[in-house]
C-alpha atoms as a PDB file:
ATOM      1  CA  MET A   1     135.579 225.965  76.353  1.00  0.00           C
ATOM      2  CA  PHE A   2     138.931 224.712  75.092  1.00  0.00           C
ATOM      3  CA  ALA A   3     141.466 222.441  76.751  1.00  0.00           C
ATOM      4  CA  ILE A   4     145.083 221.988  75.713  1.00  0.00           C
ATOM      5  CA  ILE A   5     146.296 218.404  76.135  1.00  0.00           C
ATOM      6  CA  LEU A   6     149.983 217.499  75.964  1.00  0.00           C
ATOM      7  CA  VAL A   7     150.729 213.816  75.523  1.00  0.00           C
ATOM      8  CA  GLU A   8     153.938 212.820  77.286  1.00  0.00           C
ATOM      9  CA  PRO A   9     155.881 216.065  76.704  1.00  0.00           C
ATOM     10  CA  GLU A  10     159.599 215.393  76.940  1.00  0.00           C
ATOM     11  CA  HIS A  11     161.068 218.812  77.741  1.00  0.00           C
ATOM     12  CA  PRO A  12     159.935 220.683  80.896  1.00  0.00           C
ATOM     13  CA  HIS A  13     160.703 224.074  79.360  1.00  0.00           C
ATOM     14  CA  ASN A  14     158.200 223.368  76.598  1.00  0.00           C
ATOM     15  CA  ILE A  15     155.489 222.792  79.193  1.00  0.00           C
ATOM     16  CA  GLY A  16     156.234 226.203  80.670  1.00  0.00           C
ATOM     17  CA  PHE A  17     156.191 227.855  77.254  1.00  0.00           C
ATOM     18  CA  VAL A  18     152.830 226.209  76.529  1.00  0.00           C
ATOM     19  CA  ALA A  19     151.411 227.664  79.757  1.00  0.00           C
ATOM     20  CA  ARG A  20     152.673 231.099  78.768  1.00  0.00           C
ATOM     21  CA  SER A  21     151.105 230.784  75.326  1.00  0.00           C
ATOM     22  CA  MET A  22     147.811 229.702  76.845  1.00  0.00           C
ATOM     23  CA  ARG A  23     147.809 232.689  79.187  1.00  0.00           C
ATOM     24  CA  SER A  24     148.470 235.007  76.242  1.00  0.00           C
ATOM     25  CA  ASN A  25     145.450 233.621  74.387  1.00  0.00           C
ATOM     26  CA  GLY A  26     142.993 233.429  77.272  1.00  0.00           C
ATOM     27  CA  LEU A  27     143.194 229.669  77.848  1.00  0.00           C
ATOM     28  CA  SER A  28     143.548 228.055  81.265  1.00  0.00           C
ATOM     29  CA  ASP A  29     142.639 224.336  81.012  1.00  0.00           C
ATOM     30  CA  LEU A  30     145.968 222.489  80.654  1.00  0.00           C
ATOM     31  CA  ARG A  31     145.970 218.690  80.777  1.00  0.00           C
ATOM     32  CA  ILE A  32     149.080 216.556  80.588  1.00  0.00           C
ATOM     33  CA  VAL A  33     149.329 212.850  79.930  1.00  0.00           C
ATOM     34  CA  ARG A  34     152.260 211.939  82.140  1.00  0.00           C
ATOM     35  CA  LYS A  35     153.063 208.940  84.284  1.00  0.00           C
ATOM     36  CA  SER A  36     155.107 210.727  86.947  1.00  0.00           C
ATOM     37  CA  LYS A  37     153.952 213.487  89.309  1.00  0.00           C
ATOM     38  CA  PRO A  38     154.365 216.342  90.051  1.00  0.00           C
ATOM     39  CA  LEU A  39     155.523 218.508  87.163  1.00  0.00           C
ATOM     40  CA  PRO A  40     159.265 219.237  87.094  1.00  0.00           C
ATOM     41  CA  LYS A  41     160.238 222.557  88.648  1.00  0.00           C
ATOM     42  CA  LYS A  42     161.971 223.508  85.405  1.00  0.00           C
ATOM     43  CA  CYS A  43     158.518 223.981  83.847  1.00  0.00           C
ATOM     44  CA  TYR A  44     158.142 227.162  85.859  1.00  0.00           C
ATOM     45  CA  ASP A  45     161.353 228.659  84.472  1.00  0.00           C
ATOM     46  CA  THR A  46     159.640 229.469  81.175  1.00  0.00           C
ATOM     47  CA  ALA A  47     156.072 230.029  82.404  1.00  0.00           C
ATOM     48  CA  HIS A  48     156.318 233.791  82.736  1.00  0.00           C
ATOM     49  CA  SER A  49     153.213 235.117  84.548  1.00  0.00           C
ATOM     50  CA  SER A  50     151.605 231.706  83.952  1.00  0.00           C
ATOM     51  CA  ALA A  51     152.508 229.696  87.069  1.00  0.00           C
ATOM     52  CA  GLU A  52     148.831 229.451  87.988  1.00  0.00           C
ATOM     53  CA  ILE A  53     148.130 227.457  84.829  1.00  0.00           C
ATOM     54  CA  LEU A  54     150.860 224.971  85.789  1.00  0.00           C
ATOM     55  CA  ASP A  55     149.615 224.844  89.378  1.00  0.00           C
ATOM     56  CA  ASN A  56     146.144 223.883  88.148  1.00  0.00           C
ATOM     57  CA  ALA A  57     147.250 221.559  85.351  1.00  0.00           C
ATOM     58  CA  LYS A  58     145.573 218.148  85.490  1.00  0.00           C
ATOM     59  CA  LEU A  59     147.761 215.052  85.082  1.00  0.00           C
ATOM     60  CA  PHE A  60     146.415 211.830  83.584  1.00  0.00           C
ATOM     61  CA  PRO A  61     147.973 208.412  82.995  1.00  0.00           C
ATOM     62  CA  THR A  62     146.334 207.993  79.558  1.00  0.00           C
ATOM     63  CA  LEU A  63     144.902 210.147  76.789  1.00  0.00           C
ATOM     64  CA  LYS A  64     141.531 208.409  77.073  1.00  0.00           C
ATOM     65  CA  GLU A  65     141.234 209.563  80.666  1.00  0.00           C
ATOM     66  CA  ALA A  66     142.352 213.087  79.748  1.00  0.00           C
ATOM     67  CA  ILE A  67     139.548 213.493  77.207  1.00  0.00           C
ATOM     68  CA  ALA A  68     136.846 211.624  79.123  1.00  0.00           C
ATOM     69  CA  ASP A  69     134.821 214.779  79.867  1.00  0.00           C
ATOM     70  CA  CYS A  70     135.455 216.464  76.497  1.00  0.00           C
ATOM     71  CA  SER A  71     132.842 216.708  73.765  1.00  0.00           C
ATOM     72  CA  TYR A  72     135.112 217.189  70.727  1.00  0.00           C
ATOM     73  CA  THR A  73     138.776 216.343  70.129  1.00  0.00           C
ATOM     74  CA  VAL A  74     141.344 217.395  67.540  1.00  0.00           C
ATOM     75  CA  ALA A  75     144.725 215.688  67.214  1.00  0.00           C
ATOM     76  CA  PHE A  76     147.590 217.835  65.921  1.00  0.00           C
ATOM     77  CA  SER A  77     150.114 215.980  63.808  1.00  0.00           C
ATOM     78  CA  ARG A  78     152.531 216.698  60.978  1.00  0.00           C
ATOM     79  CA  ARG A  79     152.044 213.146  59.723  1.00  0.00           C
ATOM     80  CA  LEU A  80     148.999 212.212  57.675  1.00  0.00           C
ATOM     81  CA  PHE A  81     147.651 208.971  59.109  1.00  0.00           C
ATOM     82  CA  ASP A  82     145.761 206.485  56.942  1.00  0.00           C
ATOM     83  CA  THR A  83     142.590 206.585  58.994  1.00  0.00           C
ATOM     84  CA  VAL A  84     138.927 207.446  58.709  1.00  0.00           C
ATOM     85  CA  VAL A  85     139.564 210.397  61.038  1.00  0.00           C
ATOM     86  CA  PRO A  86     139.147 213.455  58.754  1.00  0.00           C
ATOM     87  CA  HIS A  87     142.220 215.580  58.104  1.00  0.00           C
ATOM     88  CA  TYR A  88     142.227 219.389  58.119  1.00  0.00           C
ATOM     89  CA  SER A  89     144.752 222.130  57.646  1.00  0.00           C
ATOM     90  CA  LEU A  90     144.979 224.763  60.393  1.00  0.00           C
ATOM     91  CA  PRO A  91     143.111 227.483  58.411  1.00  0.00           C
ATOM     92  CA  GLU A  92     140.171 225.056  58.230  1.00  0.00           C
ATOM     93  CA  LEU A  93     140.140 224.430  61.976  1.00  0.00           C
ATOM     94  CA  SER A  94     137.964 227.208  63.396  1.00  0.00           C
ATOM     95  CA  PRO A  95     134.748 226.330  61.509  1.00  0.00           C
ATOM     96  CA  LEU A  96     134.847 222.857  63.074  1.00  0.00           C
ATOM     97  CA  PHE A  97     134.149 224.325  66.513  1.00  0.00           C
ATOM     98  CA  LYS A  98     131.387 226.736  65.642  1.00  0.00           C
ATOM     99  CA  GLY A  99     128.077 225.701  67.126  1.00  0.00           C
ATOM    100  CA  LYS A 100     129.626 223.078  69.382  1.00  0.00           C
ATOM    101  CA  THR A 101     129.346 223.167  73.179  1.00  0.00           C
ATOM    102  CA  GLY A 102     131.177 221.502  76.017  1.00  0.00           C
ATOM    103  CA  THR A 103     134.942 221.147  76.350  1.00  0.00           C
ATOM    104  CA  MET A 104     136.823 220.906  73.079  1.00  0.00           C
ATOM    105  CA  ALA A 105     140.342 219.501  73.265  1.00  0.00           C
ATOM    106  CA  LEU A 106     143.393 220.355  71.195  1.00  0.00           C
ATOM    107  CA  ILE A 107     145.800 217.442  71.547  1.00  0.00           C
ATOM    108  CA  PHE A 108     149.551 217.672  70.922  1.00  0.00           C
ATOM    109  CA  GLY A 109     152.063 214.828  70.938  1.00  0.00           C
ATOM    110  CA  ARG A 110     155.622 214.194  72.010  1.00  0.00           C
ATOM    111  CA  GLU A 111     158.424 216.421  70.717  1.00  0.00           C
ATOM    112  CA  SER A 112     160.341 213.452  69.282  1.00  0.00           C
ATOM    113  CA  ARG A 113     157.590 211.396  67.660  1.00  0.00           C
ATOM    114  CA  GLY A 114     154.271 213.165  68.011  1.00  0.00           C
ATOM    115  CA  LEU A 115     151.039 211.244  68.477  1.00  0.00           C
ATOM    116  CA  SER A 116     150.629 207.562  67.753  1.00  0.00           C
ATOM    117  CA  PHE A 117     148.129 206.122  65.280  1.00  0.00           C
ATOM    118  CA  GLU A 118     146.054 204.799  68.166  1.00  0.00           C
ATOM    119  CA  GLU A 119     145.931 208.223  69.814  1.00  0.00           C
ATOM    120  CA  VAL A 120     144.808 209.913  66.597  1.00  0.00           C
ATOM    121  CA  GLU A 121     142.155 207.241  66.077  1.00  0.00           C
ATOM    122  CA  ILE A 122     140.249 208.199  69.230  1.00  0.00           C
ATOM    123  CA  CYS A 123     139.921 211.832  68.057  1.00  0.00           C
ATOM    124  CA  ALA A 124     137.194 213.372  65.923  1.00  0.00           C
ATOM    125  CA  ALA A 125     139.640 215.168  63.612  1.00  0.00           C
ATOM    126  CA  GLN A 126     143.327 215.510  62.880  1.00  0.00           C
ATOM    127  CA  CYS A 127     144.882 218.875  62.083  1.00  0.00           C
ATOM    128  CA  GLU A 128     148.124 219.838  60.385  1.00  0.00           C
ATOM    129  CA  ILE A 129     149.924 223.166  60.758  1.00  0.00           C
ATOM    130  CA  PRO A 130     151.326 223.905  57.275  1.00  0.00           C
ATOM    131  CA  VAL A 131     155.108 224.291  57.203  1.00  0.00           C
ATOM    132  CA  ALA A 132     157.770 224.227  54.491  1.00  0.00           C
ATOM    133  CA  GLY A 133     158.926 220.825  53.270  1.00  0.00           C
ATOM    134  CA  GLN A 134     159.017 218.032  55.840  1.00  0.00           C
ATOM    135  CA  MET A 135     159.796 220.329  58.749  1.00  0.00           C
ATOM    136  CA  SER A 136     157.807 220.418  61.968  1.00  0.00           C
ATOM    137  CA  ILE A 137     157.596 223.128  64.593  1.00  0.00           C
ATOM    138  CA  ASN A 138     158.338 223.025  68.298  1.00  0.00           C
ATOM    139  CA  LEU A 139     155.588 221.800  70.617  1.00  0.00           C
ATOM    140  CA  SER A 140     155.092 225.154  72.322  1.00  0.00           C
ATOM    141  CA  HIS A 141     155.095 226.925  68.960  1.00  0.00           C
ATOM    142  CA  ALA A 142     152.415 224.574  67.671  1.00  0.00           C
ATOM    143  CA  VAL A 143     150.216 225.365  70.674  1.00  0.00           C
ATOM    144  CA  SER A 144     150.816 229.095  70.153  1.00  0.00           C
ATOM    145  CA  VAL A 145     149.910 228.988  66.459  1.00  0.00           C
ATOM    146  CA  ALA A 146     146.795 226.878  67.027  1.00  0.00           C
ATOM    147  CA  SER A 147     145.649 229.060  69.944  1.00  0.00           C
ATOM    148  CA  TYR A 148     146.158 232.222  67.941  1.00  0.00           C
ATOM    149  CA  GLU A 149     144.064 230.802  65.093  1.00  0.00           C
ATOM    150  CA  LEU A 150     141.185 230.257  67.510  1.00  0.00           C
ATOM    151  CA  CYS A 151     141.664 233.701  69.021  1.00  0.00           C
ATOM    152  CA  ARG A 152     141.858 235.365  65.608  1.00  0.00           C
ATOM    153  CA  SER A 153     138.616 233.665  64.614  1.00  0.00           C
ATOM    154  CA  GLY A 154     136.819 235.025  67.675  1.00  0.00           C
ATOM    155  CA  LEU A 155     136.410 231.661  69.403  1.00  0.00           C
ATOM    156  CA  LEU A 156     138.322 232.640  72.538  1.00  0.00           C
ATOM    157  CA  GLY A 157     136.313 235.239  74.428  1.00  0.00           C
ATOM    158  CA  GLU A 158     136.626 238.632  72.793  1.00  0.00           C
ATOM    159  CA  GLY A 159     139.449 237.537  70.507  1.00  0.00           C
ATOM    160  CA  MET A 160     142.710 239.359  70.059  1.00  0.00           C
ATOM    161  CA  ALA A 161     142.876 242.989  71.111  1.00  0.00           C
ATOM    162  CA  PRO A 162     145.856 245.332  71.344  1.00  0.00           C
ATOM    163  CA  ARG A 163     147.109 245.534  74.925  1.00  0.00           C
ATOM    164  CA  ASN A 164     148.781 248.919  74.717  1.00  0.00           C
ATOM    165  CA  LYS A 165     146.667 251.281  72.689  1.00  0.00           C
ATOM    166  CA  LEU A 166     148.399 254.350  71.343  1.00  0.00           C
ATOM    167  CA  SER A 167     147.255 257.614  72.827  1.00  0.00           C
ATOM    168  CA  ILE A 168     144.667 259.551  70.858  1.00  0.00           C
ATOM    169  CA  THR A 169     147.248 262.043  69.590  1.00  0.00           C
ATOM    170  CA  HIS A 170     149.096 259.232  67.809  1.00  0.00           C
ATOM    171  CA  ARG A 171     146.062 258.537  65.638  1.00  0.00           C
ATOM    172  CA  LYS A 172     144.162 261.818  65.533  1.00  0.00           C
ATOM    173  CA  PRO A 173     144.840 263.844  62.367  1.00  0.00           C
ATOM    174  CA  ALA A 174     146.509 267.212  62.786  1.00  0.00           C
ATOM    175  CA  THR A 175     144.218 270.213  62.307  1.00  0.00           C
ATOM    176  CA  ILE A 176     144.694 273.160  59.948  1.00  0.00           C
ATOM    177  CA  GLU A 177     145.327 275.355  62.983  1.00  0.00           C
ATOM    178  CA  GLN A 178     148.131 273.065  64.138  1.00  0.00           C
ATOM    179  CA  MET A 179     149.636 272.968  60.649  1.00  0.00           C
ATOM    180  CA  GLN A 180     149.545 276.757  60.538  1.00  0.00           C
ATOM    181  CA  SER A 181     151.684 276.891  63.678  1.00  0.00           C
ATOM    182  CA  ILE A 182     154.452 275.100  61.776  1.00  0.00           C
ATOM    183  CA  GLU A 183     153.927 277.351  58.749  1.00  0.00           C
ATOM    184  CA  ASN A 184     154.301 280.402  61.015  1.00  0.00           C
ATOM    185  CA  PHE A 185     157.440 278.999  62.574  1.00  0.00           C
ATOM    186  CA  ILE A 186     159.026 278.271  59.198  1.00  0.00           C
ATOM    187  CA  SER A 187     158.135 281.729  57.877  1.00  0.00           C
ATOM    188  CA  GLU A 188     159.595 283.420  60.949  1.00  0.00           C
ATOM    189  CA  ASN A 189     162.886 281.542  60.684  1.00  0.00           C
ATOM    190  CA  LEU A 190     163.530 281.724  56.942  1.00  0.00           C
ATOM    191  CA  THR A 191     166.419 283.788  55.609  1.00  0.00           C
ATOM    192  CA  ASP A 192     165.562 287.042  53.890  1.00  0.00           C
ATOM    193  CA  LYS A 193     166.032 285.409  50.506  1.00  0.00           C
ATOM    194  CA  TYR A 194     162.976 283.185  51.035  1.00  0.00           C
ATOM    195  CA  LYS A 195     160.951 285.135  53.573  1.00  0.00           C
ATOM    196  CA  ASN A 196     159.039 287.278  51.083  1.00  0.00           C
ATOM    197  CA  LEU A 197     158.327 284.720  48.362  1.00  0.00           C
ATOM    198  CA  PRO A 198     154.545 285.013  47.734  1.00  0.00           C
ATOM    199  CA  TRP A 199     154.030 281.380  46.817  1.00  0.00           C
ATOM    200  CA  LEU A 200     155.938 279.848  49.734  1.00  0.00           C
ATOM    201  CA  ARG A 201     153.221 280.012  52.420  1.00  0.00           C
ATOM    202  CA  ALA A 202     150.594 278.488  50.109  1.00  0.00           C
ATOM    203  CA  SER A 203     153.025 275.745  49.061  1.00  0.00           C
ATOM    204  CA  LEU A 204     153.744 274.842  52.674  1.00  0.00           C
ATOM    205  CA  SER A 205     150.028 274.656  53.440  1.00  0.00           C
ATOM    206  CA  ILE A 206     149.352 272.399  50.450  1.00  0.00           C
ATOM    207  CA  TRP A 207     152.316 270.159  51.265  1.00  0.00           C
ATOM    208  CA  LEU A 208     151.306 269.674  54.890  1.00  0.00           C
ATOM    209  CA  GLN A 209     147.707 268.887  53.994  1.00  0.00           C
ATOM    210  CA  LYS A 210     148.838 266.366  51.376  1.00  0.00           C
ATOM    211  CA  LEU A 211     150.962 264.641  54.021  1.00  0.00           C
ATOM    212  CA  ASN A 212     147.892 264.400  56.272  1.00  0.00           C
ATOM    213  CA  PRO A 213     150.051 263.977  59.400  1.00  0.00           C
ATOM    214  CA  SER A 214     148.767 262.842  62.761  1.00  0.00           C
ATOM    215  CA  GLN A 215     149.141 265.178  65.720  1.00  0.00           C
ATOM    216  CA  ALA A 216     152.085 263.113  66.990  1.00  0.00           C
ATOM    217  CA  GLU A 217     153.818 263.212  63.585  1.00  0.00           C
ATOM    218  CA  LEU A 218     153.296 266.949  63.334  1.00  0.00           C
ATOM    219  CA  SER A 219     154.712 267.417  66.815  1.00  0.00           C
ATOM    220  CA  ALA A 220     157.781 265.370  65.878  1.00  0.00           C
ATOM    221  CA  LEU A 221     158.288 267.460  62.738  1.00  0.00           C
ATOM    222  CA  PHE A 222     157.959 270.652  64.762  1.00  0.00           C
ATOM    223  CA  GLY A 223     160.620 269.370  67.151  1.00  0.00           C
ATOM    224  CA  VAL A 224     163.041 268.671  64.297  1.00  0.00           C
ATOM    225  CA  LEU A 225     162.477 272.124  62.811  1.00  0.00           C
ATOM    226  CA  ARG A 226     163.051 273.810  66.176  1.00  0.00           C
ATOM    227  CA  ALA A 227     166.266 271.847  66.623  1.00  0.00           C
ATOM    228  CA  LEU A 228     167.496 272.880  63.154  1.00  0.00           C
ATOM    229  CA  ALA A 229     166.637 276.487  63.930  1.00  0.00           C
ATOM    230  CA  LYS A 230     168.371 276.109  67.310  1.00  0.00           C
ATOM    231  CA  LYS A 231     165.263 277.233  69.156  1.00  0.00           C
ATOM    232  CA  PRO A 232     164.290 275.945  72.610  1.00  0.00           C
ATOM    233  CA  ALA A 233     161.809 273.099  72.765  1.00  0.00           C
ATOM    234  CA  ARG A 234     158.196 273.935  73.401  1.00  0.00           C
ATOM    235  CA  GLY A 235     156.634 273.192  76.778  1.00  0.00           C
END
């Protein structure tokens, strides 16, 4: 089980975006280190379909209290602290969690200054998301990238899966019989100059099979040909 911990986030909209990212990646345990309660209403403006995560978010006065029931903690920071806490790049993150049980926390710092040295020191590892130069990415983006890495690695339930699968005709290859229907249509609508060429039908058959179109692609091609021939669309 994974928990996302935000340490003193400064912009309410980022909190909402984090909730939305968590929902998209199958996470629900949001913890926020924040002195004032409740969460600002502006958080909900950007938490599309994720209000429940904000409703159930746990607020703590300190990071130590937020991680008290966790079994493994990773601090995310662009800065490389001079500490005995081992440093990893994001692509190296997923193997750290394999075989571990309990609640594992991903900890993110303030938008303006990140995590402090003392906050990193109480974690088991520190992780950096590689970016160009000395740039850093937005808090909600960092949570999204880190969550996706876990999801991609199969650590979050069933991992990533396409939500809207294409219908079978979009992937299923067209059959010879279906290709022949286009060949027949072309032959019927050719001008007399080309209609009786002996090699034309064989060439069309070879060309279509080389293209290896899907049923949807073949249907689209048929529609274009019917439009060019000024024929009514098929039912």
